[in-house]
């Protein structure tokens, strides 16, 4: 269907058509014309309008279809249930379907948007990795015990800083020097501890084996529980 103005125009021949610029994908250069031309593993972060929570989304796309999804959330309790639904929805969908699917939570919807842009522009984490990464590679982000890496810290002008959780694990004690400054901490690796308990290890033994210290913990003048003291 054409407007009258266009109907009255004569035809001007189109010149050379070289197609789209190639993008790097899994160790090769691809001129992506169809959804099925898109592959890659990458990460994206999204947030909701009130910004009370955020989502980190990892997708492994093969020939346009999402084969693997890892959804990590922070800051919003309701988002964990939204993520459970989104994790069921995403695998098996094309990357274009996923972009146009309501993934329950705005933070997850924004994450899929950001991630879509990375993948279709050839900015994936596997752009130069020959053959990409196998299905299951997303779990490697979680490490032992399959727990997200979370850092949680709290501080006030009146009472100072508290370490609550770091990459090493759940912080149980802060080590302070004579000036009440933090010089180390004791932590529990919750993932390995739960793995041990599930294998029949006594909980107290599992806790002891999963406990470690960092910094100059042994030089502490005193230690405090960061959640209670």
C-alpha atoms as a PDB file:
ATOM      1  CA  UNK A   1       0.000   0.000   0.000  1.00  0.00           C
ATOM      2  CA  UNK A   2       1.489   3.341  -1.074  1.00  0.00           C
ATOM      3  CA  UNK A   3       0.445   6.928  -0.587  1.00  0.00           C
ATOM      4  CA  UNK A   4      -0.566   8.928  -3.676  1.00  0.00           C
ATOM      5  CA  UNK A   5       2.692  10.888  -3.545  1.00  0.00           C
ATOM      6  CA  UNK A   6       4.793   7.737  -3.639  1.00  0.00           C
ATOM      7  CA  UNK A   7       2.595   6.191  -6.366  1.00  0.00           C
ATOM      8  CA  UNK A   8       3.487   9.130  -8.632  1.00  0.00           C
ATOM      9  CA  UNK A   9       7.252   8.666  -8.176  1.00  0.00           C
ATOM     10  CA  UNK A  10       9.399   6.920 -10.752  1.00  0.00           C
ATOM     11  CA  UNK A  11      11.680   4.005  -9.787  1.00  0.00           C
ATOM     12  CA  UNK A  12      15.337   4.748  -9.057  1.00  0.00           C
ATOM     13  CA  UNK A  13      17.557   1.665  -9.075  1.00  0.00           C
ATOM     14  CA  UNK A  14      19.182   0.671  -5.796  1.00  0.00           C
ATOM     15  CA  UNK A  15      22.952   0.526  -5.759  1.00  0.00           C
ATOM     16  CA  UNK A  16      25.188  -2.119  -4.144  1.00  0.00           C
ATOM     17  CA  UNK A  17      23.809  -3.879  -1.058  1.00  0.00           C
ATOM     18  CA  UNK A  18      26.578  -5.342   1.071  1.00  0.00           C
ATOM     19  CA  UNK A  19      24.285  -6.503   3.874  1.00  0.00           C
ATOM     20  CA  UNK A  20      24.885  -5.979   7.598  1.00  0.00           C
ATOM     21  CA  UNK A  21      28.299  -5.444   9.092  1.00  0.00           C
ATOM     22  CA  UNK A  22      29.716  -8.682  10.497  1.00  0.00           C
ATOM     23  CA  UNK A  23      29.708  -9.113  14.265  1.00  0.00           C
ATOM     24  CA  UNK A  24      32.035 -11.326  16.325  1.00  0.00           C
ATOM     25  CA  UNK A  25      30.268 -14.434  17.589  1.00  0.00           C
ATOM     26  CA  UNK A  26      31.865 -17.431  19.274  1.00  0.00           C
ATOM     27  CA  UNK A  27      35.146 -17.082  17.415  1.00  0.00           C
ATOM     28  CA  UNK A  28      33.750 -16.220  13.993  1.00  0.00           C
ATOM     29  CA  UNK A  29      32.433 -13.209  12.091  1.00  0.00           C
ATOM     30  CA  UNK A  30      28.716 -13.391  11.305  1.00  0.00           C
ATOM     31  CA  UNK A  31      26.449 -11.266   9.144  1.00  0.00           C
ATOM     32  CA  UNK A  32      23.345 -11.650  11.270  1.00  0.00           C
ATOM     33  CA  UNK A  33      20.135 -11.449   9.242  1.00  0.00           C
ATOM     34  CA  UNK A  34      17.877 -13.855  11.131  1.00  0.00           C
ATOM     35  CA  UNK A  35      17.336 -14.606  14.818  1.00  0.00           C
ATOM     36  CA  UNK A  36      18.890 -18.018  14.189  1.00  0.00           C
ATOM     37  CA  UNK A  37      22.169 -16.283  13.290  1.00  0.00           C
ATOM     38  CA  UNK A  38      22.640 -15.106  16.886  1.00  0.00           C
ATOM     39  CA  UNK A  39      24.763 -17.025  19.404  1.00  0.00           C
ATOM     40  CA  UNK A  40      26.697 -16.133  22.541  1.00  0.00           C
ATOM     41  CA  UNK A  41      26.945 -16.274  26.315  1.00  0.00           C
ATOM     42  CA  UNK A  42      26.840 -13.001  28.189  1.00  0.00           C
ATOM     43  CA  UNK A  43      25.570 -11.145  31.248  1.00  0.00           C
ATOM     44  CA  UNK A  44      23.242  -8.184  31.735  1.00  0.00           C
ATOM     45  CA  UNK A  45      22.034  -6.196  34.731  1.00  0.00           C
ATOM     46  CA  UNK A  46      18.552  -4.716  35.152  1.00  0.00           C
ATOM     47  CA  UNK A  47      16.683  -2.635  37.711  1.00  0.00           C
ATOM     48  CA  UNK A  48      13.074  -1.737  38.468  1.00  0.00           C
ATOM     49  CA  UNK A  49      11.563   1.764  38.336  1.00  0.00           C
ATOM     50  CA  UNK A  50      11.830   2.411  42.108  1.00  0.00           C
ATOM     51  CA  UNK A  51      15.327   0.860  41.986  1.00  0.00           C
ATOM     52  CA  UNK A  52      14.729  -1.161  45.129  1.00  0.00           C
ATOM     53  CA  UNK A  53      16.191  -4.274  43.536  1.00  0.00           C
ATOM     54  CA  UNK A  54      18.475  -5.434  40.736  1.00  0.00           C
ATOM     55  CA  UNK A  55      18.849  -8.542  38.595  1.00  0.00           C
ATOM     56  CA  UNK A  56      21.926 -10.049  37.000  1.00  0.00           C
ATOM     57  CA  UNK A  57      20.926 -12.264  34.096  1.00  0.00           C
ATOM     58  CA  UNK A  58      23.228 -14.707  32.296  1.00  0.00           C
ATOM     59  CA  UNK A  59      22.077 -16.325  29.051  1.00  0.00           C
ATOM     60  CA  UNK A  60      23.723 -18.888  26.799  1.00  0.00           C
ATOM     61  CA  UNK A  61      22.208 -18.525  23.318  1.00  0.00           C
ATOM     62  CA  UNK A  62      22.820 -21.072  20.563  1.00  0.00           C
ATOM     63  CA  UNK A  63      21.480 -20.408  17.040  1.00  0.00           C
ATOM     64  CA  UNK A  64      19.065 -17.831  18.368  1.00  0.00           C
ATOM     65  CA  UNK A  65      17.554 -20.029  21.087  1.00  0.00           C
ATOM     66  CA  UNK A  66      18.208 -19.577  24.802  1.00  0.00           C
ATOM     67  CA  UNK A  67      19.654 -22.846  26.077  1.00  0.00           C
ATOM     68  CA  UNK A  68      20.734 -21.775  29.556  1.00  0.00           C
ATOM     69  CA  UNK A  69      19.638 -19.063  31.979  1.00  0.00           C
ATOM     70  CA  UNK A  70      21.077 -17.982  35.320  1.00  0.00           C
ATOM     71  CA  UNK A  71      19.096 -15.354  37.232  1.00  0.00           C
ATOM     72  CA  UNK A  72      20.559 -13.703  40.321  1.00  0.00           C
ATOM     73  CA  UNK A  73      18.615 -11.088  42.285  1.00  0.00           C
ATOM     74  CA  UNK A  74      19.377  -8.681  45.082  1.00  0.00           C
ATOM     75  CA  UNK A  75      17.509  -6.205  47.247  1.00  0.00           C
ATOM     76  CA  UNK A  76      13.881  -7.215  46.647  1.00  0.00           C
ATOM     77  CA  UNK A  77      12.258 -10.243  48.252  1.00  0.00           C
ATOM     78  CA  UNK A  78       9.443 -10.399  45.703  1.00  0.00           C
ATOM     79  CA  UNK A  79      11.918 -10.587  42.844  1.00  0.00           C
ATOM     80  CA  UNK A  80      13.111 -14.023  43.932  1.00  0.00           C
ATOM     81  CA  UNK A  81       9.690 -15.458  43.074  1.00  0.00           C
ATOM     82  CA  UNK A  82       9.574 -13.495  39.819  1.00  0.00           C
ATOM     83  CA  UNK A  83      12.999 -14.913  38.956  1.00  0.00           C
ATOM     84  CA  UNK A  84      11.759 -18.453  39.610  1.00  0.00           C
ATOM     85  CA  UNK A  85       9.036 -17.923  37.012  1.00  0.00           C
ATOM     86  CA  UNK A  86      11.374 -16.207  34.549  1.00  0.00           C
ATOM     87  CA  UNK A  87      13.896 -19.047  34.847  1.00  0.00           C
ATOM     88  CA  UNK A  88      11.174 -21.457  33.777  1.00  0.00           C
ATOM     89  CA  UNK A  89      10.036 -19.187  30.941  1.00  0.00           C
ATOM     90  CA  UNK A  90      13.361 -18.341  29.268  1.00  0.00           C
ATOM     91  CA  UNK A  91      15.004 -21.621  28.123  1.00  0.00           C
ATOM     92  CA  UNK A  92      13.708 -22.689  24.725  1.00  0.00           C
ATOM     93  CA  UNK A  93      12.652 -19.200  23.668  1.00  0.00           C
ATOM     94  CA  UNK A  94      14.438 -17.286  20.936  1.00  0.00           C
ATOM     95  CA  UNK A  95      16.262 -14.181  22.076  1.00  0.00           C
ATOM     96  CA  UNK A  96      13.614 -12.092  20.259  1.00  0.00           C
ATOM     97  CA  UNK A  97      10.755 -13.927  21.979  1.00  0.00           C
ATOM     98  CA  UNK A  98      12.422 -13.348  25.342  1.00  0.00           C
ATOM     99  CA  UNK A  99      12.715  -9.627  24.641  1.00  0.00           C
ATOM    100  CA  UNK A 100       8.968  -9.471  24.005  1.00  0.00           C
ATOM    101  CA  UNK A 101       7.909 -11.683  26.916  1.00  0.00           C
ATOM    102  CA  UNK A 102       6.730 -10.337  30.257  1.00  0.00           C
ATOM    103  CA  UNK A 103       9.331 -11.752  32.631  1.00  0.00           C
ATOM    104  CA  UNK A 104       7.189 -10.856  35.657  1.00  0.00           C
ATOM    105  CA  UNK A 105       9.568  -8.318  37.231  1.00  0.00           C
ATOM    106  CA  UNK A 106      10.712  -5.026  35.679  1.00  0.00           C
ATOM    107  CA  UNK A 107      14.283  -5.587  36.832  1.00  0.00           C
ATOM    108  CA  UNK A 108      14.400  -8.867  34.901  1.00  0.00           C
ATOM    109  CA  UNK A 109      12.724  -7.256  31.884  1.00  0.00           C
ATOM    110  CA  UNK A 110      15.370  -4.507  31.870  1.00  0.00           C
ATOM    111  CA  UNK A 111      18.118  -7.120  32.210  1.00  0.00           C
ATOM    112  CA  UNK A 112      16.883  -9.008  29.134  1.00  0.00           C
ATOM    113  CA  UNK A 113      16.794  -5.722  27.208  1.00  0.00           C
ATOM    114  CA  UNK A 114      20.373  -4.848  28.137  1.00  0.00           C
ATOM    115  CA  UNK A 115      21.554  -8.366  27.412  1.00  0.00           C
ATOM    116  CA  UNK A 116      19.740  -8.476  24.047  1.00  0.00           C
ATOM    117  CA  UNK A 117      21.628  -5.362  22.964  1.00  0.00           C
ATOM    118  CA  UNK A 118      24.969  -6.903  23.892  1.00  0.00           C
ATOM    119  CA  UNK A 119      24.303 -10.149  22.061  1.00  0.00           C
ATOM    120  CA  UNK A 120      22.859  -8.766  18.815  1.00  0.00           C
ATOM    121  CA  UNK A 121      25.655  -6.190  18.553  1.00  0.00           C
ATOM    122  CA  UNK A 122      28.313  -8.876  19.011  1.00  0.00           C
ATOM    123  CA  UNK A 123      29.419  -7.692  22.463  1.00  0.00           C
ATOM    124  CA  UNK A 124      28.945 -11.050  24.194  1.00  0.00           C
ATOM    125  CA  UNK A 125      31.455 -12.487  26.651  1.00  0.00           C
ATOM    126  CA  UNK A 126      32.134 -15.298  24.167  1.00  0.00           C
ATOM    127  CA  UNK A 127      32.534 -13.102  21.073  1.00  0.00           C
ATOM    128  CA  UNK A 128      36.055 -14.375  20.480  1.00  0.00           C
ATOM    129  CA  UNK A 129      35.781 -17.827  22.086  1.00  0.00           C
ATOM    130  CA  UNK A 130      35.813 -20.452  19.353  1.00  0.00           C
ATOM    131  CA  UNK A 131      32.598 -22.449  19.511  1.00  0.00           C
ATOM    132  CA  UNK A 132      31.407 -20.467  22.513  1.00  0.00           C
ATOM    133  CA  UNK A 133      30.817 -22.169  25.853  1.00  0.00           C
ATOM    134  CA  UNK A 134      28.926 -25.423  26.529  1.00  0.00           C
ATOM    135  CA  UNK A 135      25.559 -25.489  28.248  1.00  0.00           C
ATOM    136  CA  UNK A 136      26.327 -25.442  31.958  1.00  0.00           C
ATOM    137  CA  UNK A 137      29.003 -22.775  31.736  1.00  0.00           C
ATOM    138  CA  UNK A 138      26.684 -20.330  33.502  1.00  0.00           C
ATOM    139  CA  UNK A 139      27.017 -22.311  36.718  1.00  0.00           C
ATOM    140  CA  UNK A 140      30.753 -21.598  36.759  1.00  0.00           C
ATOM    141  CA  UNK A 141      29.906 -18.034  37.819  1.00  0.00           C
ATOM    142  CA  UNK A 142      28.649 -19.435  41.105  1.00  0.00           C
ATOM    143  CA  UNK A 143      31.653 -21.519  42.088  1.00  0.00           C
ATOM    144  CA  UNK A 144      31.643 -24.169  44.824  1.00  0.00           C
ATOM    145  CA  UNK A 145      28.324 -24.668  46.514  1.00  0.00           C
ATOM    146  CA  UNK A 146      26.489 -22.896  43.668  1.00  0.00           C
ATOM    147  CA  UNK A 147      25.906 -19.651  45.568  1.00  0.00           C
ATOM    148  CA  UNK A 148      25.880 -16.170  44.086  1.00  0.00           C
ATOM    149  CA  UNK A 149      28.838 -13.970  45.005  1.00  0.00           C
ATOM    150  CA  UNK A 150      27.319 -11.352  47.292  1.00  0.00           C
ATOM    151  CA  UNK A 151      28.878  -8.446  49.127  1.00  0.00           C
ATOM    152  CA  UNK A 152      26.870  -6.862  51.938  1.00  0.00           C
ATOM    153  CA  UNK A 153      28.120  -4.013  54.118  1.00  0.00           C
ATOM    154  CA  UNK A 154      26.370  -1.644  56.473  1.00  0.00           C
ATOM    155  CA  UNK A 155      27.589   1.498  58.166  1.00  0.00           C
ATOM    156  CA  UNK A 156      26.381   4.520  60.122  1.00  0.00           C
ATOM    157  CA  UNK A 157      28.072   7.770  61.067  1.00  0.00           C
ATOM    158  CA  UNK A 158      27.355   7.030  64.724  1.00  0.00           C
ATOM    159  CA  UNK A 159      28.470   3.385  64.959  1.00  0.00           C
ATOM    160  CA  UNK A 160      30.738   2.819  61.975  1.00  0.00           C
ATOM    161  CA  UNK A 161      31.141  -0.052  59.530  1.00  0.00           C
ATOM    162  CA  UNK A 162      29.936  -3.666  59.563  1.00  0.00           C
ATOM    163  CA  UNK A 163      31.026  -6.383  57.107  1.00  0.00           C
ATOM    164  CA  UNK A 164      28.131  -8.830  56.687  1.00  0.00           C
ATOM    165  CA  UNK A 165      29.061 -10.920  53.655  1.00  0.00           C
ATOM    166  CA  UNK A 166      31.993 -11.013  51.261  1.00  0.00           C
ATOM    167  CA  UNK A 167      33.201 -13.272  48.473  1.00  0.00           C
ATOM    168  CA  UNK A 168      34.707 -15.599  51.104  1.00  0.00           C
ATOM    169  CA  UNK A 169      31.349 -16.075  52.793  1.00  0.00           C
ATOM    170  CA  UNK A 170      29.013 -15.095  55.610  1.00  0.00           C
ATOM    171  CA  UNK A 171      30.878 -12.965  58.170  1.00  0.00           C
ATOM    172  CA  UNK A 172      30.463 -14.120  61.758  1.00  0.00           C
ATOM    173  CA  UNK A 173      33.072 -11.985  63.539  1.00  0.00           C
ATOM    174  CA  UNK A 174      34.951  -8.747  62.900  1.00  0.00           C
ATOM    175  CA  UNK A 175      38.468  -8.421  64.292  1.00  0.00           C
ATOM    176  CA  UNK A 176      39.278  -5.016  65.783  1.00  0.00           C
ATOM    177  CA  UNK A 177      42.598  -3.527  66.852  1.00  0.00           C
ATOM    178  CA  UNK A 178      43.289  -1.278  69.849  1.00  0.00           C
ATOM    179  CA  UNK A 179      41.814   1.694  67.937  1.00  0.00           C
ATOM    180  CA  UNK A 180      38.617  -0.276  67.163  1.00  0.00           C
ATOM    181  CA  UNK A 181      39.500  -0.406  63.462  1.00  0.00           C
ATOM    182  CA  UNK A 182      38.743  -3.544  61.427  1.00  0.00           C
ATOM    183  CA  UNK A 183      41.837  -5.644  60.728  1.00  0.00           C
ATOM    184  CA  UNK A 184      40.229  -8.932  59.701  1.00  0.00           C
ATOM    185  CA  UNK A 185      37.191 -11.156  59.975  1.00  0.00           C
ATOM    186  CA  UNK A 186      35.961 -14.708  60.446  1.00  0.00           C
ATOM    187  CA  UNK A 187      33.628 -16.155  57.844  1.00  0.00           C
ATOM    188  CA  UNK A 188      31.636 -19.276  56.966  1.00  0.00           C
ATOM    189  CA  UNK A 189      31.453 -20.687  53.439  1.00  0.00           C
ATOM    190  CA  UNK A 190      27.755 -21.523  53.455  1.00  0.00           C
ATOM    191  CA  UNK A 191      27.747 -23.449  50.175  1.00  0.00           C
ATOM    192  CA  UNK A 192      30.469 -25.960  51.131  1.00  0.00           C
ATOM    193  CA  UNK A 193      29.001 -26.245  54.652  1.00  0.00           C
ATOM    194  CA  UNK A 194      25.565 -27.194  53.308  1.00  0.00           C
ATOM    195  CA  UNK A 195      27.156 -29.599  50.812  1.00  0.00           C
ATOM    196  CA  UNK A 196      28.914 -31.369  53.667  1.00  0.00           C
ATOM    197  CA  UNK A 197      25.769 -31.545  55.803  1.00  0.00           C
ATOM    198  CA  UNK A 198      23.789 -32.973  52.872  1.00  0.00           C
ATOM    199  CA  UNK A 199      26.421 -35.731  52.630  1.00  0.00           C
ATOM    200  CA  UNK A 200      25.911 -36.730  56.247  1.00  0.00           C
ATOM    201  CA  UNK A 201      28.626 -34.727  57.975  1.00  0.00           C
ATOM    202  CA  UNK A 202      27.692 -33.610  61.493  1.00  0.00           C
ATOM    203  CA  UNK A 203      26.568 -29.930  61.340  1.00  0.00           C
ATOM    204  CA  UNK A 204      29.068 -28.804  63.981  1.00  0.00           C
ATOM    205  CA  UNK A 205      31.915 -30.502  62.106  1.00  0.00           C
ATOM    206  CA  UNK A 206      30.724 -29.102  58.790  1.00  0.00           C
ATOM    207  CA  UNK A 207      30.597 -25.598  60.298  1.00  0.00           C
ATOM    208  CA  UNK A 208      34.113 -25.893  61.680  1.00  0.00           C
ATOM    209  CA  UNK A 209      35.519 -27.106  58.342  1.00  0.00           C
ATOM    210  CA  UNK A 210      33.773 -24.317  56.413  1.00  0.00           C
ATOM    211  CA  UNK A 211      35.013 -21.587  58.769  1.00  0.00           C
ATOM    212  CA  UNK A 212      38.026 -19.458  57.909  1.00  0.00           C
ATOM    213  CA  UNK A 213      39.621 -16.101  58.697  1.00  0.00           C
ATOM    214  CA  UNK A 214      40.982 -13.239  56.639  1.00  0.00           C
ATOM    215  CA  UNK A 215      43.447 -10.445  57.314  1.00  0.00           C
ATOM    216  CA  UNK A 216      45.087 -10.051  60.718  1.00  0.00           C
ATOM    217  CA  UNK A 217      42.300 -11.798  62.562  1.00  0.00           C
ATOM    218  CA  UNK A 218      44.711 -13.455  65.000  1.00  0.00           C
ATOM    219  CA  UNK A 219      46.057 -10.061  66.087  1.00  0.00           C
ATOM    220  CA  UNK A 220      42.641  -8.771  67.157  1.00  0.00           C
ATOM    221  CA  UNK A 221      42.355  -7.008  70.508  1.00  0.00           C
ATOM    222  CA  UNK A 222      38.690  -7.937  70.435  1.00  0.00           C
ATOM    223  CA  UNK A 223      36.120  -9.426  68.065  1.00  0.00           C
ATOM    224  CA  UNK A 224      32.471  -8.507  67.576  1.00  0.00           C
ATOM    225  CA  UNK A 225      29.423 -10.065  65.961  1.00  0.00           C
ATOM    226  CA  UNK A 226      28.645  -7.586  63.136  1.00  0.00           C
ATOM    227  CA  UNK A 227      24.911  -8.337  63.284  1.00  0.00           C
ATOM    228  CA  UNK A 228      24.439  -7.865  67.018  1.00  0.00           C
ATOM    229  CA  UNK A 229      27.217  -5.733  68.502  1.00  0.00           C
END
